[in-house]
PDB file of all heavy atoms in Angstrom:
ATOM      1  N   GLY A   1       1.611  -0.369  -5.096  1.00  0.00           N
ATOM      2  CA  GLY A   1       0.718  -1.402  -5.619  1.00  0.00           C
ATOM      3  C   GLY A   1       0.089  -2.116  -4.443  1.00  0.00           C
ATOM      4  O   GLY A   1       0.529  -1.962  -3.295  1.00  0.00           O
ATOM      5  N   SER A   2      -0.932  -2.891  -4.704  1.00  0.00           N
ATOM      6  CA  SER A   2      -1.545  -3.634  -3.603  1.00  0.00           C
ATOM      7  C   SER A   2      -2.316  -4.836  -4.116  1.00  0.00           C
ATOM      8  O   SER A   2      -2.654  -4.922  -5.303  1.00  0.00           O
ATOM      9  CB  SER A   2      -2.487  -2.739  -2.776  1.00  0.00           C
ATOM     10  OG  SER A   2      -3.690  -2.483  -3.476  1.00  0.00           O
ATOM     11  N   GLY A   3      -2.566  -5.773  -3.218  1.00  0.00           N
ATOM     12  CA  GLY A   3      -3.378  -6.951  -3.496  1.00  0.00           C
ATOM     13  C   GLY A   3      -4.371  -7.141  -2.376  1.00  0.00           C
ATOM     14  O   GLY A   3      -4.101  -6.780  -1.223  1.00  0.00           O
ATOM     15  N   ILE A   4      -5.535  -7.695  -2.692  1.00  0.00           N
ATOM     16  CA  ILE A   4      -6.636  -7.798  -1.749  1.00  0.00           C
ATOM     17  C   ILE A   4      -7.089  -9.252  -1.632  1.00  0.00           C
ATOM     18  O   ILE A   4      -7.375  -9.895  -2.640  1.00  0.00           O
ATOM     19  CB  ILE A   4      -7.834  -6.940  -2.209  1.00  0.00           C
ATOM     20  CG1 ILE A   4      -7.410  -5.497  -2.490  1.00  0.00           C
ATOM     21  CG2 ILE A   4      -8.970  -6.989  -1.195  1.00  0.00           C
ATOM     22  CD1 ILE A   4      -8.449  -4.695  -3.268  1.00  0.00           C
ATOM     23  N   ILE A   5      -7.176  -9.751  -0.392  1.00  0.00           N
ATOM     24  CA  ILE A   5      -7.711 -11.082  -0.129  1.00  0.00           C
ATOM     25  C   ILE A   5      -8.943 -10.930   0.757  1.00  0.00           C
ATOM     26  O   ILE A   5      -8.868 -10.348   1.840  1.00  0.00           O
ATOM     27  CB  ILE A   5      -6.686 -11.994   0.581  1.00  0.00           C
ATOM     28  CG1 ILE A   5      -5.357 -12.011  -0.181  1.00  0.00           C
ATOM     29  CG2 ILE A   5      -7.259 -13.408   0.739  1.00  0.00           C
ATOM     30  CD1 ILE A   5      -5.425 -12.574  -1.571  1.00  0.00           C
ATOM     31  N   ILE A   6     -10.073 -11.425   0.297  1.00  0.00           N
ATOM     32  CA  ILE A   6     -11.317 -11.394   1.070  1.00  0.00           C
ATOM     33  C   ILE A   6     -11.839 -12.816   1.198  1.00  0.00           C
ATOM     34  O   ILE A   6     -12.034 -13.512   0.192  1.00  0.00           O
ATOM     35  CB  ILE A   6     -12.379 -10.496   0.408  1.00  0.00           C
ATOM     36  CG1 ILE A   6     -11.858  -9.060   0.264  1.00  0.00           C
ATOM     37  CG2 ILE A   6     -13.677 -10.505   1.215  1.00  0.00           C
ATOM     38  CD1 ILE A   6     -12.808  -8.131  -0.479  1.00  0.00           C
ATOM     39  N   ASP A   7     -12.043 -13.262   2.437  1.00  0.00           N
ATOM     40  CA  ASP A   7     -12.540 -14.620   2.703  1.00  0.00           C
ATOM     41  C   ASP A   7     -11.712 -15.681   1.968  1.00  0.00           C
ATOM     42  O   ASP A   7     -12.259 -16.630   1.395  1.00  0.00           O
ATOM     43  CB  ASP A   7     -14.022 -14.742   2.325  1.00  0.00           C
ATOM     44  CG  ASP A   7     -14.914 -13.902   3.230  1.00  0.00           C
ATOM     45  OD1 ASP A   7     -14.523 -13.672   4.388  1.00  0.00           O
ATOM     46  OD2 ASP A   7     -15.984 -13.466   2.766  1.00  0.00           O
ATOM     47  N   GLY A   8     -10.397 -15.488   1.960  1.00  0.00           N
ATOM     48  CA  GLY A   8      -9.506 -16.486   1.397  1.00  0.00           C
ATOM     49  C   GLY A   8      -9.382 -16.475  -0.107  1.00  0.00           C
ATOM     50  O   GLY A   8      -8.733 -17.350  -0.686  1.00  0.00           O
ATOM     51  N   LYS A   9      -9.980 -15.478  -0.774  1.00  0.00           N
ATOM     52  CA  LYS A   9      -9.922 -15.411  -2.228  1.00  0.00           C
ATOM     53  C   LYS A   9      -9.381 -14.058  -2.680  1.00  0.00           C
ATOM     54  O   LYS A   9      -9.631 -13.038  -2.044  1.00  0.00           O
ATOM     55  CB  LYS A   9     -11.308 -15.634  -2.829  1.00  0.00           C
ATOM     56  CG  LYS A   9     -11.877 -17.022  -2.549  1.00  0.00           C
ATOM     57  CD  LYS A   9     -13.255 -17.173  -3.160  1.00  0.00           C
ATOM     58  CE  LYS A   9     -13.820 -18.559  -2.871  1.00  0.00           C
ATOM     59  NZ  LYS A   9     -15.185 -18.730  -3.436  1.00  0.00           N
ATOM     60  N   ILE A  10      -8.646 -14.075  -3.787  1.00  0.00           N
ATOM     61  CA  ILE A  10      -8.154 -12.828  -4.371  1.00  0.00           C
ATOM     62  C   ILE A  10      -9.340 -12.050  -4.912  1.00  0.00           C
ATOM     63  O   ILE A  10     -10.166 -12.594  -5.656  1.00  0.00           O
ATOM     64  CB  ILE A  10      -7.156 -13.101  -5.507  1.00  0.00           C
ATOM     65  CG1 ILE A  10      -5.914 -13.829  -4.974  1.00  0.00           C
ATOM     66  CG2 ILE A  10      -6.742 -11.810  -6.202  1.00  0.00           C
ATOM     67  CD1 ILE A  10      -4.976 -14.309  -6.069  1.00  0.00           C
ATOM     68  N   TYR A  11      -9.434 -10.766  -4.527  1.00  0.00           N
ATOM     69  CA  TYR A  11     -10.492  -9.928  -5.076  1.00  0.00           C
ATOM     70  C   TYR A  11      -9.933  -9.184  -6.283  1.00  0.00           C
ATOM     71  O   TYR A  11      -8.973  -8.417  -6.177  1.00  0.00           O
ATOM     72  CB  TYR A  11     -11.015  -8.927  -4.040  1.00  0.00           C
ATOM     73  CG  TYR A  11     -12.127  -8.083  -4.603  1.00  0.00           C
ATOM     74  CD1 TYR A  11     -13.394  -8.635  -4.792  1.00  0.00           C
ATOM     75  CD2 TYR A  11     -11.906  -6.769  -5.004  1.00  0.00           C
ATOM     76  CE1 TYR A  11     -14.418  -7.887  -5.354  1.00  0.00           C
ATOM     77  CE2 TYR A  11     -12.925  -6.017  -5.563  1.00  0.00           C
ATOM     78  CZ  TYR A  11     -14.182  -6.581  -5.737  1.00  0.00           C
ATOM     79  OH  TYR A  11     -15.185  -5.848  -6.305  1.00  0.00           O
ATOM     80  N   LEU A  12     -10.534  -9.439  -7.453  1.00  0.00           N
ATOM     81  CA  LEU A  12     -10.023  -8.895  -8.709  1.00  0.00           C
ATOM     82  C   LEU A  12     -10.782  -7.680  -9.207  1.00  0.00           C
ATOM     83  O   LEU A  12     -10.222  -6.848  -9.920  1.00  0.00           O
ATOM     84  CB  LEU A  12     -10.056  -9.989  -9.797  1.00  0.00           C
ATOM     85  CG  LEU A  12      -9.201 -11.229  -9.525  1.00  0.00           C
ATOM     86  CD1 LEU A  12      -9.481 -12.295 -10.570  1.00  0.00           C
ATOM     87  CD2 LEU A  12      -7.730 -10.870  -9.504  1.00  0.00           C
ATOM     88  N   GLY A  13     -12.067  -7.588  -8.853  1.00  0.00           N
ATOM     89  CA  GLY A  13     -12.886  -6.512  -9.389  1.00  0.00           C
ATOM     90  C   GLY A  13     -13.406  -6.841 -10.781  1.00  0.00           C
ATOM     91  O   GLY A  13     -13.170  -7.919 -11.326  1.00  0.00           O
ATOM     92  N   LYS A  14     -14.135  -5.890 -11.377  1.00  0.00           N
ATOM     93  CA  LYS A  14     -14.793  -6.116 -12.669  1.00  0.00           C
ATOM     94  C   LYS A  14     -13.817  -6.463 -13.776  1.00  0.00           C
ATOM     95  O   LYS A  14     -14.079  -7.336 -14.604  1.00  0.00           O
ATOM     96  CB  LYS A  14     -15.596  -4.866 -13.052  1.00  0.00           C
ATOM     97  CG  LYS A  14     -16.363  -4.993 -14.354  1.00  0.00           C
ATOM     98  CD  LYS A  14     -16.978  -3.673 -14.785  1.00  0.00           C
ATOM     99  CE  LYS A  14     -15.921  -2.739 -15.377  1.00  0.00           C
ATOM    100  NZ  LYS A  14     -16.521  -1.551 -16.028  1.00  0.00           N
ATOM    101  N   SER A  15     -12.683  -5.774 -13.822  1.00  0.00           N
ATOM    102  CA  SER A  15     -11.736  -5.962 -14.932  1.00  0.00           C
ATOM    103  C   SER A  15     -10.323  -6.215 -14.423  1.00  0.00           C
ATOM    104  O   SER A  15      -9.348  -5.785 -15.038  1.00  0.00           O
ATOM    105  CB  SER A  15     -11.754  -4.736 -15.854  1.00  0.00           C
ATOM    106  OG  SER A  15     -11.483  -3.554 -15.119  1.00  0.00           O
ATOM    107  N   ASN A  16     -10.211  -6.917 -13.275  1.00  0.00           N
ATOM    108  CA  ASN A  16      -8.907  -7.252 -12.676  1.00  0.00           C
ATOM    109  C   ASN A  16      -8.112  -6.003 -12.278  1.00  0.00           C
ATOM    110  O   ASN A  16      -6.881  -6.054 -12.169  1.00  0.00           O
ATOM    111  CB  ASN A  16      -8.063  -8.104 -13.636  1.00  0.00           C
ATOM    112  CG  ASN A  16      -8.724  -9.424 -13.965  1.00  0.00           C
ATOM    113  OD1 ASN A  16      -9.181 -10.130 -13.078  1.00  0.00           O
ATOM    114  ND2 ASN A  16      -8.810  -9.747 -15.235  1.00  0.00           N
ATOM    115  N   PHE A  17      -8.810  -4.905 -12.037  1.00  0.00           N
ATOM    116  CA  PHE A  17      -8.168  -3.622 -11.740  1.00  0.00           C
ATOM    117  C   PHE A  17      -8.109  -3.334 -10.229  1.00  0.00           C
ATOM    118  O   PHE A  17      -7.452  -2.382  -9.810  1.00  0.00           O
ATOM    119  CB  PHE A  17      -8.934  -2.510 -12.462  1.00  0.00           C
ATOM    120  CG  PHE A  17      -8.233  -1.176 -12.492  1.00  0.00           C
ATOM    121  CD1 PHE A  17      -7.108  -0.983 -13.281  1.00  0.00           C
ATOM    122  CD2 PHE A  17      -8.711  -0.106 -11.746  1.00  0.00           C
ATOM    123  CE1 PHE A  17      -6.472   0.251 -13.315  1.00  0.00           C
ATOM    124  CE2 PHE A  17      -8.080   1.133 -11.774  1.00  0.00           C
ATOM    125  CZ  PHE A  17      -6.964   1.311 -12.563  1.00  0.00           C
ATOM    126  N   ALA A  18      -8.788  -4.176  -9.437  1.00  0.00           N
ATOM    127  CA  ALA A  18      -8.814  -3.957  -7.991  1.00  0.00           C
ATOM    128  C   ALA A  18      -7.395  -3.964  -7.427  1.00  0.00           C
ATOM    129  O   ALA A  18      -6.574  -4.803  -7.791  1.00  0.00           O
ATOM    130  CB  ALA A  18      -9.650  -5.027  -7.306  1.00  0.00           C
ATOM    131  N   GLY A  19      -7.092  -3.003  -6.562  1.00  0.00           N
ATOM    132  CA  GLY A  19      -5.769  -2.928  -5.939  1.00  0.00           C
ATOM    133  C   GLY A  19      -4.789  -2.043  -6.669  1.00  0.00           C
ATOM    134  O   GLY A  19      -3.660  -1.848  -6.203  1.00  0.00           O
ATOM    135  N   GLU A  20      -5.185  -1.465  -7.809  1.00  0.00           N
ATOM    136  CA  GLU A  20      -4.271  -0.601  -8.563  1.00  0.00           C
ATOM    137  C   GLU A  20      -4.240   0.798  -7.929  1.00  0.00           C
ATOM    138  O   GLU A  20      -4.710   1.788  -8.497  1.00  0.00           O
ATOM    139  CB  GLU A  20      -4.691  -0.532 -10.028  1.00  0.00           C
ATOM    140  CG  GLU A  20      -4.499  -1.833 -10.785  1.00  0.00           C
ATOM    141  CD  GLU A  20      -3.028  -2.214 -10.905  1.00  0.00           C
ATOM    142  OE1 GLU A  20      -2.183  -1.319 -11.112  1.00  0.00           O
ATOM    143  OE2 GLU A  20      -2.721  -3.418 -10.783  1.00  0.00           O
ATOM    144  N   VAL A  21      -3.664   0.850  -6.730  1.00  0.00           N
ATOM    145  CA  VAL A  21      -3.698   2.083  -5.929  1.00  0.00           C
ATOM    146  C   VAL A  21      -2.792   3.178  -6.492  1.00  0.00           C
ATOM    147  O   VAL A  21      -2.837   4.317  -6.020  1.00  0.00           O
ATOM    148  CB  VAL A  21      -3.328   1.797  -4.452  1.00  0.00           C
ATOM    149  CG1 VAL A  21      -4.391   0.932  -3.788  1.00  0.00           C
ATOM    150  CG2 VAL A  21      -1.966   1.115  -4.348  1.00  0.00           C
ATOM    151  N   VAL A  22      -1.994   2.846  -7.507  1.00  0.00           N
ATOM    152  CA  VAL A  22      -1.175   3.873  -8.140  1.00  0.00           C
ATOM    153  C   VAL A  22      -2.076   4.936  -8.790  1.00  0.00           C
ATOM    154  O   VAL A  22      -1.655   6.078  -9.008  1.00  0.00           O
ATOM    155  CB  VAL A  22      -0.217   3.235  -9.175  1.00  0.00           C
ATOM    156  CG1 VAL A  22      -0.959   2.758 -10.408  1.00  0.00           C
ATOM    157  CG2 VAL A  22       0.901   4.192  -9.550  1.00  0.00           C
ATOM    158  N   PHE A  23      -3.339   4.566  -9.052  1.00  0.00           N
ATOM    159  CA  PHE A  23      -4.266   5.487  -9.708  1.00  0.00           C
ATOM    160  C   PHE A  23      -5.101   6.309  -8.723  1.00  0.00           C
ATOM    161  O   PHE A  23      -5.971   7.067  -9.147  1.00  0.00           O
ATOM    162  CB  PHE A  23      -5.198   4.707 -10.644  1.00  0.00           C
ATOM    163  CG  PHE A  23      -4.505   4.130 -11.838  1.00  0.00           C
ATOM    164  CD1 PHE A  23      -4.061   2.814 -11.840  1.00  0.00           C
ATOM    165  CD2 PHE A  23      -4.270   4.893 -12.972  1.00  0.00           C
ATOM    166  CE1 PHE A  23      -3.411   2.265 -12.931  1.00  0.00           C
ATOM    167  CE2 PHE A  23      -3.622   4.356 -14.085  1.00  0.00           C
ATOM    168  CZ  PHE A  23      -3.195   3.048 -14.061  1.00  0.00           C
ATOM    169  N   LEU A  24      -4.854   6.160  -7.421  1.00  0.00           N
ATOM    170  CA  LEU A  24      -5.569   6.987  -6.441  1.00  0.00           C
ATOM    171  C   LEU A  24      -5.223   8.474  -6.644  1.00  0.00           C
ATOM    172  O   LEU A  24      -4.109   8.799  -7.073  1.00  0.00           O
ATOM    173  CB  LEU A  24      -5.189   6.572  -5.016  1.00  0.00           C
ATOM    174  CG  LEU A  24      -5.812   5.296  -4.455  1.00  0.00           C
ATOM    175  CD1 LEU A  24      -5.192   4.978  -3.097  1.00  0.00           C
ATOM    176  CD2 LEU A  24      -7.325   5.431  -4.318  1.00  0.00           C
ATOM    177  N   PRO A  25      -6.149   9.377  -6.303  1.00  0.00           N
ATOM    178  CA  PRO A  25      -5.844  10.816  -6.396  1.00  0.00           C
ATOM    179  C   PRO A  25      -5.044  11.270  -5.168  1.00  0.00           C
ATOM    180  O   PRO A  25      -5.616  11.646  -4.145  1.00  0.00           O
ATOM    181  CB  PRO A  25      -7.241  11.458  -6.433  1.00  0.00           C
ATOM    182  CG  PRO A  25      -8.121  10.491  -5.691  1.00  0.00           C
ATOM    183  CD  PRO A  25      -7.564   9.122  -5.955  1.00  0.00           C
ATOM    184  N   TYR A  26      -3.734  11.206  -5.260  1.00  0.00           N
ATOM    185  CA  TYR A  26      -2.886  11.562  -4.111  1.00  0.00           C
ATOM    186  C   TYR A  26      -2.938  13.055  -3.850  1.00  0.00           C
ATOM    187  O   TYR A  26      -2.979  13.875  -4.777  1.00  0.00           O
ATOM    188  CB  TYR A  26      -1.453  11.062  -4.333  1.00  0.00           C
ATOM    189  CG  TYR A  26      -1.392   9.557  -4.275  1.00  0.00           C
ATOM    190  CD1 TYR A  26      -1.566   8.791  -5.433  1.00  0.00           C
ATOM    191  CD2 TYR A  26      -1.231   8.897  -3.066  1.00  0.00           C
ATOM    192  CE1 TYR A  26      -1.563   7.408  -5.372  1.00  0.00           C
ATOM    193  CE2 TYR A  26      -1.219   7.514  -3.002  1.00  0.00           C
ATOM    194  CZ  TYR A  26      -1.392   6.771  -4.154  1.00  0.00           C
ATOM    195  OH  TYR A  26      -1.408   5.400  -4.082  1.00  0.00           O
ATOM    196  N   GLN A  27      -2.939  13.386  -2.570  1.00  0.00           N
ATOM    197  CA  GLN A  27      -3.216  14.758  -2.139  1.00  0.00           C
ATOM    198  C   GLN A  27      -2.201  15.764  -2.656  1.00  0.00           C
ATOM    199  O   GLN A  27      -2.545  16.902  -2.972  1.00  0.00           O
ATOM    200  CB  GLN A  27      -3.260  14.806  -0.598  1.00  0.00           C
ATOM    201  CG  GLN A  27      -4.412  13.991  -0.013  1.00  0.00           C
ATOM    202  CD  GLN A  27      -4.306  13.863   1.504  1.00  0.00           C
ATOM    203  OE1 GLN A  27      -3.301  14.254   2.099  1.00  0.00           O
ATOM    204  NE2 GLN A  27      -5.335  13.314   2.131  1.00  0.00           N
ATOM    205  N   ASP A  28      -0.951  15.343  -2.769  1.00  0.00           N
ATOM    206  CA  ASP A  28       0.107  16.310  -3.105  1.00  0.00           C
ATOM    207  C   ASP A  28       0.599  16.220  -4.543  1.00  0.00           C
ATOM    208  O   ASP A  28       1.649  16.773  -4.876  1.00  0.00           O
ATOM    209  CB  ASP A  28       1.293  16.131  -2.139  1.00  0.00           C
ATOM    210  CG  ASP A  28       0.895  16.481  -0.711  1.00  0.00           C
ATOM    211  OD1 ASP A  28      -0.017  17.310  -0.540  1.00  0.00           O
ATOM    212  OD2 ASP A  28       1.486  15.905   0.221  1.00  0.00           O
ATOM    213  N   GLY A  29      -0.147  15.483  -5.401  1.00  0.00           N
ATOM    214  CA  GLY A  29       0.248  15.460  -6.806  1.00  0.00           C
ATOM    215  C   GLY A  29       0.517  14.074  -7.347  1.00  0.00           C
ATOM    216  O   GLY A  29       0.053  13.066  -6.800  1.00  0.00           O
ATOM    217  N   ASN A  30       1.279  14.001  -8.414  1.00  0.00           N
ATOM    218  CA  ASN A  30       1.590  12.748  -9.092  1.00  0.00           C
ATOM    219  C   ASN A  30       2.416  11.840  -8.193  1.00  0.00           C
ATOM    220  O   ASN A  30       3.440  12.251  -7.644  1.00  0.00           O
ATOM    221  CB  ASN A  30       2.360  13.056 -10.387  1.00  0.00           C
ATOM    222  CG  ASN A  30       2.677  11.803 -11.173  1.00  0.00           C
ATOM    223  OD1 ASN A  30       3.579  11.053 -10.815  1.00  0.00           O
ATOM    224  ND2 ASN A  30       1.941  11.587 -12.255  1.00  0.00           N
ATOM    225  N   ILE A  31       1.990  10.584  -8.060  1.00  0.00           N
ATOM    226  CA  ILE A  31       2.640   9.677  -7.119  1.00  0.00           C
ATOM    227  C   ILE A  31       4.096   9.409  -7.487  1.00  0.00           C
ATOM    228  O   ILE A  31       4.958   9.263  -6.613  1.00  0.00           O
ATOM    229  CB  ILE A  31       1.853   8.344  -7.002  1.00  0.00           C
ATOM    230  CG1 ILE A  31       2.443   7.471  -5.891  1.00  0.00           C
ATOM    231  CG2 ILE A  31       1.813   7.610  -8.322  1.00  0.00           C
ATOM    232  CD1 ILE A  31       2.434   8.083  -4.521  1.00  0.00           C
ATOM    233  N   TYR A  32       4.423   9.380  -8.766  1.00  0.00           N
ATOM    234  CA  TYR A  32       5.807   9.106  -9.167  1.00  0.00           C
ATOM    235  C   TYR A  32       6.730  10.265  -8.779  1.00  0.00           C
ATOM    236  O   TYR A  32       7.899  10.057  -8.442  1.00  0.00           O
ATOM    237  CB  TYR A  32       5.870   8.835 -10.667  1.00  0.00           C
ATOM    238  CG  TYR A  32       5.122   7.577 -11.058  1.00  0.00           C
ATOM    239  CD1 TYR A  32       3.865   7.650 -11.658  1.00  0.00           C
ATOM    240  CD2 TYR A  32       5.663   6.320 -10.800  1.00  0.00           C
ATOM    241  CE1 TYR A  32       3.168   6.494 -12.004  1.00  0.00           C
ATOM    242  CE2 TYR A  32       4.977   5.162 -11.135  1.00  0.00           C
ATOM    243  CZ  TYR A  32       3.736   5.257 -11.736  1.00  0.00           C
ATOM    244  OH  TYR A  32       3.039   4.110 -12.060  1.00  0.00           O
ATOM    245  N   ASP A  33       6.197  11.478  -8.794  1.00  0.00           N
ATOM    246  CA  ASP A  33       6.974  12.632  -8.321  1.00  0.00           C
ATOM    247  C   ASP A  33       7.105  12.600  -6.805  1.00  0.00           C
ATOM    248  O   ASP A  33       8.156  12.943  -6.249  1.00  0.00           O
ATOM    249  CB  ASP A  33       6.297  13.942  -8.759  1.00  0.00           C
ATOM    250  CG  ASP A  33       6.312  14.130 -10.269  1.00  0.00           C
ATOM    251  OD1 ASP A  33       7.230  13.587 -10.916  1.00  0.00           O
ATOM    252  OD2 ASP A  33       5.403  14.808 -10.788  1.00  0.00           O
ATOM    253  N   LEU A  34       6.031  12.158  -6.126  1.00  0.00           N
ATOM    254  CA  LEU A  34       6.054  12.114  -4.661  1.00  0.00           C
ATOM    255  C   LEU A  34       7.092  11.117  -4.149  1.00  0.00           C
ATOM    256  O   LEU A  34       7.769  11.368  -3.144  1.00  0.00           O
ATOM    257  CB  LEU A  34       4.666  11.739  -4.128  1.00  0.00           C
ATOM    258  CG  LEU A  34       3.540  12.743  -4.393  1.00  0.00           C
ATOM    259  CD1 LEU A  34       2.202  12.184  -3.915  1.00  0.00           C
ATOM    260  CD2 LEU A  34       3.836  14.071  -3.692  1.00  0.00           C
ATOM    261  N   VAL A  35       7.232   9.980  -4.833  1.00  0.00           N
ATOM    262  CA  VAL A  35       8.202   8.959  -4.415  1.00  0.00           C
ATOM    263  C   VAL A  35       9.611   9.535  -4.403  1.00  0.00           C
ATOM    264  O   VAL A  35      10.426   9.250  -3.514  1.00  0.00           O
ATOM    265  CB  VAL A  35       8.126   7.729  -5.350  1.00  0.00           C
ATOM    266  CG1 VAL A  35       9.264   6.761  -5.054  1.00  0.00           C
ATOM    267  CG2 VAL A  35       6.788   7.037  -5.201  1.00  0.00           C
ATOM    268  N   LYS A  36       9.899  10.388  -5.383  1.00  0.00           N
ATOM    269  CA  LYS A  36      11.241  10.967  -5.514  1.00  0.00           C
ATOM    270  C   LYS A  36      11.540  11.994  -4.412  1.00  0.00           C
ATOM    271  O   LYS A  36      12.701  12.371  -4.218  1.00  0.00           O
ATOM    272  CB  LYS A  36      11.392  11.629  -6.882  1.00  0.00           C
ATOM    273  CG  LYS A  36      11.289  10.655  -8.047  1.00  0.00           C
ATOM    274  CD  LYS A  36      11.281  11.391  -9.372  1.00  0.00           C
ATOM    275  CE  LYS A  36      11.070  10.453 -10.554  1.00  0.00           C
ATOM    276  NZ  LYS A  36      10.964  11.195 -11.833  1.00  0.00           N
ATOM    277  N   GLN A  37      10.517  12.445  -3.699  1.00  0.00           N
ATOM    278  CA  GLN A  37      10.718  13.471  -2.667  1.00  0.00           C
ATOM    279  C   GLN A  37      11.221  12.908  -1.346  1.00  0.00           C
ATOM    280  O   GLN A  37      11.521  13.667  -0.432  1.00  0.00           O
ATOM    281  CB  GLN A  37       9.405  14.233  -2.444  1.00  0.00           C
ATOM    282  CG  GLN A  37       8.982  15.061  -3.653  1.00  0.00           C
ATOM    283  CD  GLN A  37       7.629  15.731  -3.459  1.00  0.00           C
ATOM    284  OE1 GLN A  37       7.141  15.851  -2.335  1.00  0.00           O
ATOM    285  NE2 GLN A  37       7.016  16.162  -4.551  1.00  0.00           N
TER     286      GLN A  37
END
């Protein structure tokens, strides 16, 4: 997970989804499977 601060303010994005890096396309597959490795 992650949080973003720009110029002293929380950056939320259009629908408060900014920083939801769990949804990135990880190179080696599903992130929850990768954590277990």
